[in-house]
PDB file of N, CA and C in Angstrom:
ATOM      1  N   MET A   1     187.324  11.125 210.334  1.00  0.00           N
ATOM      2  CA  MET A   1     188.158  11.991 211.171  1.00  0.00           C
ATOM      3  C   MET A   1     188.410  11.270 212.504  1.00  0.00           C
ATOM      4  N   GLU A   2     189.656  11.262 212.922  1.00  0.00           N
ATOM      5  CA  GLU A   2     190.026  10.671 214.205  1.00  0.00           C
ATOM      6  C   GLU A   2     189.458  11.520 215.343  1.00  0.00           C
ATOM      7  N   PRO A   3     189.171  10.887 216.498  1.00  0.00           N
ATOM      8  CA  PRO A   3     188.640  11.679 217.628  1.00  0.00           C
ATOM      9  C   PRO A   3     189.513  12.865 218.011  1.00  0.00           C
ATOM     10  N   TRP A   4     190.858  12.682 218.011  1.00  0.00           N
ATOM     11  CA  TRP A   4     191.724  13.788 218.414  1.00  0.00           C
ATOM     12  C   TRP A   4     191.643  14.946 217.428  1.00  0.00           C
ATOM     13  N   GLU A   5     191.427  14.643 216.147  1.00  0.00           N
ATOM     14  CA  GLU A   5     191.280  15.707 215.151  1.00  0.00           C
ATOM     15  C   GLU A   5     189.968  16.470 215.376  1.00  0.00           C
ATOM     16  N   ALA A   6     188.918  15.727 215.703  1.00  0.00           N
ATOM     17  CA  ALA A   6     187.628  16.360 215.978  1.00  0.00           C
ATOM     18  C   ALA A   6     187.707  17.221 217.235  1.00  0.00           C
ATOM     19  N   VAL A   7     188.411  16.729 218.258  1.00  0.00           N
ATOM     20  CA  VAL A   7     188.602  17.496 219.497  1.00  0.00           C
ATOM     21  C   VAL A   7     189.362  18.783 219.195  1.00  0.00           C
ATOM     22  N   GLN A   8     190.457  18.667 218.455  1.00  0.00           N
ATOM     23  CA  GLN A   8     191.272  19.834 218.120  1.00  0.00           C
ATOM     24  C   GLN A   8     190.438  20.864 217.347  1.00  0.00           C
ATOM     25  N   SER A   9     189.660  20.409 216.388  1.00  0.00           N
ATOM     26  CA  SER A   9     188.839  21.306 215.581  1.00  0.00           C
ATOM     27  C   SER A   9     187.765  21.994 216.424  1.00  0.00           C
ATOM     28  N   LYS A  10     187.089  21.238 217.268  1.00  0.00           N
ATOM     29  CA  LYS A  10     186.037  21.789 218.129  1.00  0.00           C
ATOM     30  C   LYS A  10     186.614  22.853 219.069  1.00  0.00           C
ATOM     31  N   LEU A  11     187.731  22.518 219.726  1.00  0.00           N
ATOM     32  CA  LEU A  11     188.339  23.461 220.661  1.00  0.00           C
ATOM     33  C   LEU A  11     188.838  24.715 219.946  1.00  0.00           C
ATOM     34  N   ALA A  12     189.412  24.547 218.765  1.00  0.00           N
ATOM     35  CA  ALA A  12     189.915  25.702 218.007  1.00  0.00           C
ATOM     36  C   ALA A  12     188.778  26.680 217.708  1.00  0.00           C
ATOM     37  N   GLY A  13     187.632  26.151 217.318  1.00  0.00           N
ATOM     38  CA  GLY A  13     186.494  27.010 217.039  1.00  0.00           C
ATOM     39  C   GLY A  13     185.996  27.750 218.259  1.00  0.00           C
ATOM     40  N   GLU A  14     186.064  27.098 219.410  1.00  0.00           N
ATOM     41  CA  GLU A  14     185.572  27.703 220.643  1.00  0.00           C
ATOM     42  C   GLU A  14     186.536  28.739 221.224  1.00  0.00           C
ATOM     43  N   VAL A  15     187.825  28.433 221.274  1.00  0.00           N
ATOM     44  CA  VAL A  15     188.767  29.354 221.935  1.00  0.00           C
ATOM     45  C   VAL A  15     189.172  30.525 221.045  1.00  0.00           C
ATOM     46  N   ARG A  16     188.936  30.407 219.766  1.00  0.00           N
ATOM     47  CA  ARG A  16     189.248  31.517 218.856  1.00  0.00           C
ATOM     48  C   ARG A  16     188.526  32.784 219.282  1.00  0.00           C
ATOM     49  N   GLU A  17     187.314  32.626 219.836  1.00  0.00           N
ATOM     50  CA  GLU A  17     186.500  33.764 220.250  1.00  0.00           C
ATOM     51  C   GLU A  17     186.935  34.366 221.582  1.00  0.00           C
ATOM     52  N   LEU A  18     187.794  33.686 222.300  1.00  0.00           N
ATOM     53  CA  LEU A  18     188.209  34.147 223.629  1.00  0.00           C
ATOM     54  C   LEU A  18     189.549  34.861 223.517  1.00  0.00           C
ATOM     55  N   ALA A  19     189.496  36.173 223.357  1.00  0.00           N
ATOM     56  CA  ALA A  19     190.697  36.975 223.103  1.00  0.00           C
ATOM     57  C   ALA A  19     191.723  36.900 224.230  1.00  0.00           C
ATOM     58  N   ALA A  20     191.283  36.672 225.460  1.00  0.00           N
ATOM     59  CA  ALA A  20     192.211  36.638 226.601  1.00  0.00           C
ATOM     60  C   ALA A  20     193.100  35.401 226.590  1.00  0.00           C
ATOM     61  N   ILE A  21     192.742  34.389 225.807  1.00  0.00           N
ATOM     62  CA  ILE A  21     193.583  33.188 225.722  1.00  0.00           C
ATOM     63  C   ILE A  21     194.710  33.467 224.748  1.00  0.00           C
ATOM     64  N   ARG A  22     195.942  33.448 225.259  1.00  0.00           N
ATOM     65  CA  ARG A  22     197.118  33.727 224.416  1.00  0.00           C
ATOM     66  C   ARG A  22     197.472  32.550 223.535  1.00  0.00           C
ATOM     67  N   ALA A  23     197.290  31.328 224.062  1.00  0.00           N
ATOM     68  CA  ALA A  23     197.598  30.123 223.304  1.00  0.00           C
ATOM     69  C   ALA A  23     196.852  28.959 223.938  1.00  0.00           C
ATOM     70  N   ALA A  24     196.654  27.910 223.145  1.00  0.00           N
ATOM     71  CA  ALA A  24     196.032  26.692 223.649  1.00  0.00           C
ATOM     72  C   ALA A  24     196.586  25.522 222.846  1.00  0.00           C
ATOM     73  N   PHE A  25     196.749  24.392 223.524  1.00  0.00           N
ATOM     74  CA  PHE A  25     197.289  23.219 222.837  1.00  0.00           C
ATOM     75  C   PHE A  25     196.846  21.942 223.528  1.00  0.00           C
ATOM     76  N   LEU A  26     197.005  20.842 222.804  1.00  0.00           N
ATOM     77  CA  LEU A  26     196.688  19.511 223.316  1.00  0.00           C
ATOM     78  C   LEU A  26     197.953  18.674 223.383  1.00  0.00           C
ATOM     79  N   THR A  27     198.055  17.862 224.409  1.00  0.00           N
ATOM     80  CA  THR A  27     199.098  16.841 224.493  1.00  0.00           C
ATOM     81  C   THR A  27     198.407  15.536 224.868  1.00  0.00           C
ATOM     82  N   SER A  28     199.142  14.434 224.700  1.00  0.00           N
ATOM     83  CA  SER A  28     198.559  13.137 225.003  1.00  0.00           C
ATOM     84  C   SER A  28     199.573  12.242 225.692  1.00  0.00           C
ATOM     85  N   ASP A  29     199.056  11.370 226.572  1.00  0.00           N
ATOM     86  CA  ASP A  29     199.903  10.423 227.296  1.00  0.00           C
ATOM     87  C   ASP A  29     200.172   9.151 226.514  1.00  0.00           C
ATOM     88  N   ASP A  30     199.372   8.897 225.509  1.00  0.00           N
ATOM     89  CA  ASP A  30     199.535   7.627 224.793  1.00  0.00           C
ATOM     90  C   ASP A  30     199.384   7.828 223.288  1.00  0.00           C
ATOM     91  N   ARG A  31     199.851   6.855 222.540  1.00  0.00           N
ATOM     92  CA  ARG A  31     199.826   6.958 221.077  1.00  0.00           C
ATOM     93  C   ARG A  31     198.413   6.958 220.509  1.00  0.00           C
ATOM     94  N   ARG A  32     197.508   6.288 221.181  1.00  0.00           N
ATOM     95  CA  ARG A  32     196.132   6.228 220.694  1.00  0.00           C
ATOM     96  C   ARG A  32     195.369   7.504 221.013  1.00  0.00           C
ATOM     97  N   ARG A  33     195.960   8.349 221.829  1.00  0.00           N
ATOM     98  CA  ARG A  33     195.369   9.630 222.223  1.00  0.00           C
ATOM     99  C   ARG A  33     193.997   9.443 222.871  1.00  0.00           C
ATOM    100  N   CYS A  34     193.910   8.436 223.735  1.00  0.00           N
ATOM    101  CA  CYS A  34     192.670   8.194 224.486  1.00  0.00           C
ATOM    102  C   CYS A  34     192.581   9.108 225.701  1.00  0.00           C
ATOM    103  N   ARG A  35     193.708   9.644 226.128  1.00  0.00           N
ATOM    104  CA  ARG A  35     193.732  10.605 227.233  1.00  0.00           C
ATOM    105  C   ARG A  35     194.428  11.853 226.720  1.00  0.00           C
ATOM    106  N   MET A  36     193.703  12.955 226.716  1.00  0.00           N
ATOM    107  CA  MET A  36     194.256  14.191 226.185  1.00  0.00           C
ATOM    108  C   MET A  36     194.277  15.261 227.265  1.00  0.00           C
ATOM    109  N   HIS A  37     195.336  16.038 227.245  1.00  0.00           N
ATOM    110  CA  HIS A  37     195.490  17.188 228.139  1.00  0.00           C
ATOM    111  C   HIS A  37     195.250  18.439 227.301  1.00  0.00           C
ATOM    112  N   PHE A  38     194.315  19.278 227.741  1.00  0.00           N
ATOM    113  CA  PHE A  38     194.048  20.539 227.062  1.00  0.00           C
ATOM    114  C   PHE A  38     194.591  21.657 227.937  1.00  0.00           C
ATOM    115  N   TRP A  39     195.539  22.379 227.391  1.00  0.00           N
ATOM    116  CA  TRP A  39     196.238  23.456 228.103  1.00  0.00           C
ATOM    117  C   TRP A  39     195.817  24.798 227.516  1.00  0.00           C
ATOM    118  N   THR A  40     195.449  25.742 228.376  1.00  0.00           N
ATOM    119  CA  THR A  40     195.183  27.103 227.929  1.00  0.00           C
ATOM    120  C   THR A  40     196.128  28.041 228.672  1.00  0.00           C
ATOM    121  N   LEU A  41     196.633  29.019 227.953  1.00  0.00           N
ATOM    122  CA  LEU A  41     197.586  29.975 228.502  1.00  0.00           C
ATOM    123  C   LEU A  41     196.978  31.371 228.426  1.00  0.00           C
ATOM    124  N   LEU A  42     196.838  31.993 229.594  1.00  0.00           N
ATOM    125  CA  LEU A  42     196.318  33.355 229.701  1.00  0.00           C
ATOM    126  C   LEU A  42     197.397  34.241 230.308  1.00  0.00           C
ATOM    127  N   ASP A  43     197.392  35.519 229.959  1.00  0.00           N
ATOM    128  CA  ASP A  43     198.364  36.439 230.542  1.00  0.00           C
ATOM    129  C   ASP A  43     198.199  36.515 232.052  1.00  0.00           C
ATOM    130  N   GLU A  44     196.951  36.613 232.499  1.00  0.00           N
ATOM    131  CA  GLU A  44     196.660  36.728 233.933  1.00  0.00           C
ATOM    132  C   GLU A  44     195.247  36.207 234.168  1.00  0.00           C
ATOM    133  N   TYR A  45     194.859  36.153 235.412  1.00  0.00           N
ATOM    134  CA  TYR A  45     193.522  35.688 235.765  1.00  0.00           C
ATOM    135  C   TYR A  45     192.482  36.595 235.130  1.00  0.00           C
ATOM    136  N   ASP A  46     191.508  35.981 234.448  1.00  0.00           N
ATOM    137  CA  ASP A  46     190.433  36.716 233.799  1.00  0.00           C
ATOM    138  C   ASP A  46     189.151  35.915 234.033  1.00  0.00           C
ATOM    139  N   GLU A  47     188.377  36.332 235.037  1.00  0.00           N
ATOM    140  CA  GLU A  47     187.220  35.547 235.469  1.00  0.00           C
ATOM    141  C   GLU A  47     186.209  35.260 234.354  1.00  0.00           C
ATOM    142  N   PRO A  48     185.789  36.249 233.558  1.00  0.00           N
ATOM    143  CA  PRO A  48     184.815  35.933 232.499  1.00  0.00           C
ATOM    144  C   PRO A  48     185.342  34.887 231.506  1.00  0.00           C
ATOM    145  N   THR A  49     186.607  35.003 231.135  1.00  0.00           N
ATOM    146  CA  THR A  49     187.197  34.028 230.216  1.00  0.00           C
ATOM    147  C   THR A  49     187.259  32.652 230.855  1.00  0.00           C
ATOM    148  N   GLU A  50     187.653  32.581 232.096  1.00  0.00           N
ATOM    149  CA  GLU A  50     187.771  31.283 232.755  1.00  0.00           C
ATOM    150  C   GLU A  50     186.410  30.637 232.965  1.00  0.00           C
ATOM    151  N   ARG A  51     185.374  31.436 233.216  1.00  0.00           N
ATOM    152  CA  ARG A  51     184.018  30.874 233.329  1.00  0.00           C
ATOM    153  C   ARG A  51     183.574  30.300 231.989  1.00  0.00           C
ATOM    154  N   ARG A  52     183.819  31.032 230.929  1.00  0.00           N
ATOM    155  CA  ARG A  52     183.467  30.551 229.576  1.00  0.00           C
ATOM    156  C   ARG A  52     184.279  29.303 229.233  1.00  0.00           C
ATOM    157  N   LEU A  53     185.520  29.290 229.606  1.00  0.00           N
ATOM    158  CA  LEU A  53     186.392  28.147 229.332  1.00  0.00           C
ATOM    159  C   LEU A  53     185.882  26.883 230.029  1.00  0.00           C
ATOM    160  N   VAL A  54     185.387  27.007 231.236  1.00  0.00           N
ATOM    161  CA  VAL A  54     184.819  25.849 231.949  1.00  0.00           C
ATOM    162  C   VAL A  54     183.630  25.291 231.164  1.00  0.00           C
ATOM    163  N   ARG A  55     182.794  26.158 230.620  1.00  0.00           N
ATOM    164  CA  ARG A  55     181.656  25.686 229.815  1.00  0.00           C
ATOM    165  C   ARG A  55     182.131  24.974 228.552  1.00  0.00           C
ATOM    166  N   VAL A  56     183.134  25.539 227.882  1.00  0.00           N
ATOM    167  CA  VAL A  56     183.689  24.919 226.677  1.00  0.00           C
ATOM    168  C   VAL A  56     184.251  23.536 227.020  1.00  0.00           C
ATOM    169  N   GLU A  57     185.030  23.461 228.081  1.00  0.00           N
ATOM    170  CA  GLU A  57     185.633  22.186 228.478  1.00  0.00           C
ATOM    171  C   GLU A  57     184.562  21.153 228.820  1.00  0.00           C
ATOM    172  N   SER A  58     183.532  21.561 229.518  1.00  0.00           N
ATOM    173  CA  SER A  58     182.441  20.645 229.873  1.00  0.00           C
ATOM    174  C   SER A  58     181.727  20.125 228.626  1.00  0.00           C
ATOM    175  N   ASP A  59     181.471  21.008 227.686  1.00  0.00           N
ATOM    176  CA  ASP A  59     180.813  20.600 226.430  1.00  0.00           C
ATOM    177  C   ASP A  59     181.662  19.598 225.664  1.00  0.00           C
ATOM    178  N   VAL A  60     182.949  19.880 225.558  1.00  0.00           N
ATOM    179  CA  VAL A  60     183.853  18.985 224.830  1.00  0.00           C
ATOM    180  C   VAL A  60     183.958  17.640 225.539  1.00  0.00           C
ATOM    181  N   GLU A  61     184.050  17.669 226.842  1.00  0.00           N
ATOM    182  CA  GLU A  61     184.146  16.427 227.612  1.00  0.00           C
ATOM    183  C   GLU A  61     182.901  15.568 227.397  1.00  0.00           C
ATOM    184  N   ARG A  62     181.726  16.174 227.415  1.00  0.00           N
ATOM    185  CA  ARG A  62     180.482  15.426 227.166  1.00  0.00           C
ATOM    186  C   ARG A  62     180.434  14.883 225.736  1.00  0.00           C
ATOM    187  N   GLN A  63     180.808  15.715 224.779  1.00  0.00           N
ATOM    188  CA  GLN A  63     180.720  15.324 223.374  1.00  0.00           C
ATOM    189  C   GLN A  63     181.632  14.148 223.040  1.00  0.00           C
ATOM    190  N   PHE A  64     182.805  14.102 223.648  1.00  0.00           N
ATOM    191  CA  PHE A  64     183.784  13.069 223.293  1.00  0.00           C
ATOM    192  C   PHE A  64     184.010  12.042 224.397  1.00  0.00           C
ATOM    193  N   ALA A  65     183.079  11.947 225.341  1.00  0.00           N
ATOM    194  CA  ALA A  65     183.232  11.077 226.519  1.00  0.00           C
ATOM    195  C   ALA A  65     183.464   9.612 226.155  1.00  0.00           C
ATOM    196  N   ASP A  66     182.934   9.153 225.059  1.00  0.00           N
ATOM    197  CA  ASP A  66     183.091   7.743 224.677  1.00  0.00           C
ATOM    198  C   ASP A  66     184.475   7.426 224.126  1.00  0.00           C
ATOM    199  N   ASP A  67     185.194   8.437 223.662  1.00  0.00           N
ATOM    200  CA  ASP A  67     186.472   8.205 222.983  1.00  0.00           C
ATOM    201  C   ASP A  67     187.699   8.717 223.724  1.00  0.00           C
ATOM    202  N   VAL A  68     187.534   9.770 224.546  1.00  0.00           N
ATOM    203  CA  VAL A  68     188.692  10.452 225.114  1.00  0.00           C
ATOM    204  C   VAL A  68     188.445  10.805 226.579  1.00  0.00           C
ATOM    205  N   ASP A  69     189.472  10.605 227.407  1.00  0.00           N
ATOM    206  CA  ASP A  69     189.483  11.132 228.777  1.00  0.00           C
ATOM    207  C   ASP A  69     190.281  12.429 228.739  1.00  0.00           C
ATOM    208  N   PHE A  70     189.816  13.440 229.449  1.00  0.00           N
ATOM    209  CA  PHE A  70     190.458  14.750 229.403  1.00  0.00           C
ATOM    210  C   PHE A  70     191.043  15.170 230.743  1.00  0.00           C
ATOM    211  N   VAL A  71     192.101  15.959 230.645  1.00  0.00           N
ATOM    212  CA  VAL A  71     192.666  16.698 231.775  1.00  0.00           C
ATOM    213  C   VAL A  71     192.773  18.141 231.277  1.00  0.00           C
ATOM    214  N   PHE A  72     192.216  19.086 232.037  1.00  0.00           N
ATOM    215  CA  PHE A  72     192.217  20.489 231.636  1.00  0.00           C
ATOM    216  C   PHE A  72     193.104  21.293 232.582  1.00  0.00           C
ATOM    217  N   THR A  73     193.962  22.135 231.992  1.00  0.00           N
ATOM    218  CA  THR A  73     194.873  22.954 232.782  1.00  0.00           C
ATOM    219  C   THR A  73     194.928  24.359 232.200  1.00  0.00           C
ATOM    220  N   THR A  74     194.831  25.357 233.069  1.00  0.00           N
ATOM    221  CA  THR A  74     195.010  26.751 232.668  1.00  0.00           C
ATOM    222  C   THR A  74     196.226  27.303 233.385  1.00  0.00           C
ATOM    223  N   ILE A  75     197.089  27.960 232.626  1.00  0.00           N
ATOM    224  CA  ILE A  75     198.308  28.564 233.173  1.00  0.00           C
ATOM    225  C   ILE A  75     198.225  30.071 232.981  1.00  0.00           C
ATOM    226  N   HIS A  76     198.546  30.823 234.036  1.00  0.00           N
ATOM    227  CA  HIS A  76     198.628  32.282 233.955  1.00  0.00           C
ATOM    228  C   HIS A  76     200.087  32.640 233.700  1.00  0.00           C
ATOM    229  N   LEU A  77     200.341  33.233 232.564  1.00  0.00           N
ATOM    230  CA  LEU A  77     201.722  33.483 232.123  1.00  0.00           C
ATOM    231  C   LEU A  77     202.445  34.535 232.964  1.00  0.00           C
ATOM    232  N   GLN A  78     201.770  35.558 233.397  1.00  0.00           N
ATOM    233  CA  GLN A  78     202.356  36.622 234.208  1.00  0.00           C
ATOM    234  C   GLN A  78     203.684  37.131 233.626  1.00  0.00           C
ATOM    235  N   GLY A  79     203.622  37.472 232.341  1.00  0.00           N
ATOM    236  CA  GLY A  79     204.781  38.049 231.675  1.00  0.00           C
ATOM    237  C   GLY A  79     205.702  37.052 230.984  1.00  0.00           C
ATOM    238  N   ARG A  80     205.490  35.773 231.189  1.00  0.00           N
ATOM    239  CA  ARG A  80     206.345  34.762 230.555  1.00  0.00           C
ATOM    240  C   ARG A  80     205.879  34.477 229.134  1.00  0.00           C
ATOM    241  N   SER A  81     206.762  33.966 228.321  1.00  0.00           N
ATOM    242  CA  SER A  81     206.438  33.653 226.932  1.00  0.00           C
ATOM    243  C   SER A  81     205.618  32.364 226.848  1.00  0.00           C
ATOM    244  N   PRO A  82     204.558  32.355 226.041  1.00  0.00           N
ATOM    245  CA  PRO A  82     203.788  31.126 225.874  1.00  0.00           C
ATOM    246  C   PRO A  82     204.632  29.980 225.309  1.00  0.00           C
ATOM    247  N   TRP A  83     205.610  30.327 224.477  1.00  0.00           N
ATOM    248  CA  TRP A  83     206.434  29.289 223.850  1.00  0.00           C
ATOM    249  C   TRP A  83     207.239  28.489 224.875  1.00  0.00           C
ATOM    250  N   ASP A  84     207.467  29.057 226.048  1.00  0.00           N
ATOM    251  CA  ASP A  84     208.180  28.327 227.102  1.00  0.00           C
ATOM    252  C   ASP A  84     207.365  27.150 227.635  1.00  0.00           C
ATOM    253  N   PHE A  85     206.072  27.121 227.363  1.00  0.00           N
ATOM    254  CA  PHE A  85     205.181  26.104 227.909  1.00  0.00           C
ATOM    255  C   PHE A  85     204.699  25.094 226.867  1.00  0.00           C
ATOM    256  N   ILE A  86     204.923  25.365 225.601  1.00  0.00           N
ATOM    257  CA  ILE A  86     204.357  24.521 224.541  1.00  0.00           C
ATOM    258  C   ILE A  86     205.395  23.485 224.087  1.00  0.00           C
ATOM    259  N   PRO A  87     205.125  22.194 224.331  1.00  0.00           N
ATOM    260  CA  PRO A  87     206.060  21.154 223.893  1.00  0.00           C
ATOM    261  C   PRO A  87     206.097  21.041 222.373  1.00  0.00           C
ATOM    262  N   ARG A  88     207.181  20.519 221.861  1.00  0.00           N
ATOM    263  CA  ARG A  88     207.336  20.374 220.405  1.00  0.00           C
ATOM    264  C   ARG A  88     206.271  19.483 219.783  1.00  0.00           C
ATOM    265  N   ASP A  89     205.827  18.463 220.508  1.00  0.00           N
ATOM    266  CA  ASP A  89     204.875  17.520 219.944  1.00  0.00           C
ATOM    267  C   ASP A  89     203.413  17.900 220.228  1.00  0.00           C
ATOM    268  N   ALA A  90     203.190  19.096 220.743  1.00  0.00           N
ATOM    269  CA  ALA A  90     201.825  19.533 221.042  1.00  0.00           C
ATOM    270  C   ALA A  90     201.026  19.774 219.770  1.00  0.00           C
ATOM    271  N   LEU A  91     199.729  19.547 219.876  1.00  0.00           N
ATOM    272  CA  LEU A  91     198.809  19.898 218.801  1.00  0.00           C
ATOM    273  C   LEU A  91     198.268  21.282 219.105  1.00  0.00           C
ATOM    274  N   LEU A  92     198.665  22.273 218.336  1.00  0.00           N
ATOM    275  CA  LEU A  92     198.225  23.651 218.606  1.00  0.00           C
ATOM    276  C   LEU A  92     196.744  23.801 218.321  1.00  0.00           C
ATOM    277  N   VAL A  93     196.061  24.409 219.251  1.00  0.00           N
ATOM    278  CA  VAL A  93     194.645  24.729 219.109  1.00  0.00           C
ATOM    279  C   VAL A  93     194.524  26.226 218.810  1.00  0.00           C
ATOM    280  N   LYS A  94     195.339  27.018 219.485  1.00  0.00           N
ATOM    281  CA  LYS A  94     195.429  28.455 219.207  1.00  0.00           C
ATOM    282  C   LYS A  94     196.888  28.833 219.346  1.00  0.00           C
ATOM    283  N   SER A  95     197.485  29.246 218.255  1.00  0.00           N
ATOM    284  CA  SER A  95     198.896  29.591 218.231  1.00  0.00           C
ATOM    285  C   SER A  95     199.130  30.955 218.891  1.00  0.00           C
ATOM    286  N   PRO A  96     200.225  31.103 219.629  1.00  0.00           N
ATOM    287  CA  PRO A  96     200.520  32.413 220.242  1.00  0.00           C
ATOM    288  C   PRO A  96     200.646  33.496 219.180  1.00  0.00           C
ATOM    289  N   ALA A  97     200.153  34.673 219.517  1.00  0.00           N
ATOM    290  CA  ALA A  97     200.233  35.810 218.573  1.00  0.00           C
ATOM    291  C   ALA A  97     201.628  36.375 218.544  1.00  0.00           C
TER     292      ALA A  97
END
């Protein structure tokens, strides 16, 4: 399994349990996917979810530190559609409902 596939699988398992996350996806700056951006989309600020998300991100960063550099971003949708933020080439981790 490629590192990016393992990252996608690990994150999918973790964010599935976080109901406040409307969608999550990965993008990459390079073809080798050595630097990955993990994007989470929430309807609004939700402190318990964001605290849990920081722990998930830290765990993933430690687990894959030898293979991947990460950038983590959370967006508060505030009524906007998640699809407006998801690029066509993104690797979906949690698809919008």
